[in-house]
Amino acid sequence: MLKKYALFLIAYLPVFFLQADKFSSDENPKVTSWDVFGYYSYLPQTFINNDPGNKDLMKLDADCRKYEFSPFVYHFHKTKKEYHVSQYSYGMAILFAPAFFTGHIAAHFTGDEKDGYSPPYQYSMLIWYMIYIFISLLFFFKVIARLFSLSIAFVLLCVLLYGTNYYFYSIYGAGMPHL
């Protein structure tokens, strides 16, 4: 049993250290930039701005520009009733919720803005993303280790990690739903 988890860690640790290196080198990692902004914006709009219908698109645009997530807000489309509907579903926002609430608590202690986008929220997203990646890879490894020998399971884990887009998105695409 110990050998099984040692093989898992041998395969996973390079990804972890690269994630940690990227995590520590960014002053504000901007996890919620570009498309992730559209997935994530449900949370600050609902729980901080009390505007789940996105009536005030100017606030979203100001936040997007302030933190340089993207040059403009392209994620929303106006309805006949003056609401702005996100072109992204809220499923990822549910997955991001623990990170959002952790970031909100951290923002209270650090004195950063509690707007949903300041550095505590971004770092929280990175940490939760690393946790999700660890859990998903561990689950994958446990399943294939039951179906195949440990050496084959180790090779399959390495192929998944280093031979597919999983490697890129686990390090450079935090928050993207492609995993």
Foldseek 3Di string as FASTA:
>chain_A
DVVLVVLLCVLCVVLVVLQVVLLVVDPANLLCADPNVLQQVCVLCVPPVVHNQALPVVVVQCLCVVVVRDNGDPQWDADPVSGTHGPDDNPLNVVLVVLQVQLQVVCVVVVHDNRSRPRSSRSSLSVSLLVVVSVVLVVQLVVVVVVDPSVVSSVVSNCVCPVDCVVVCSRPNRSDPPD
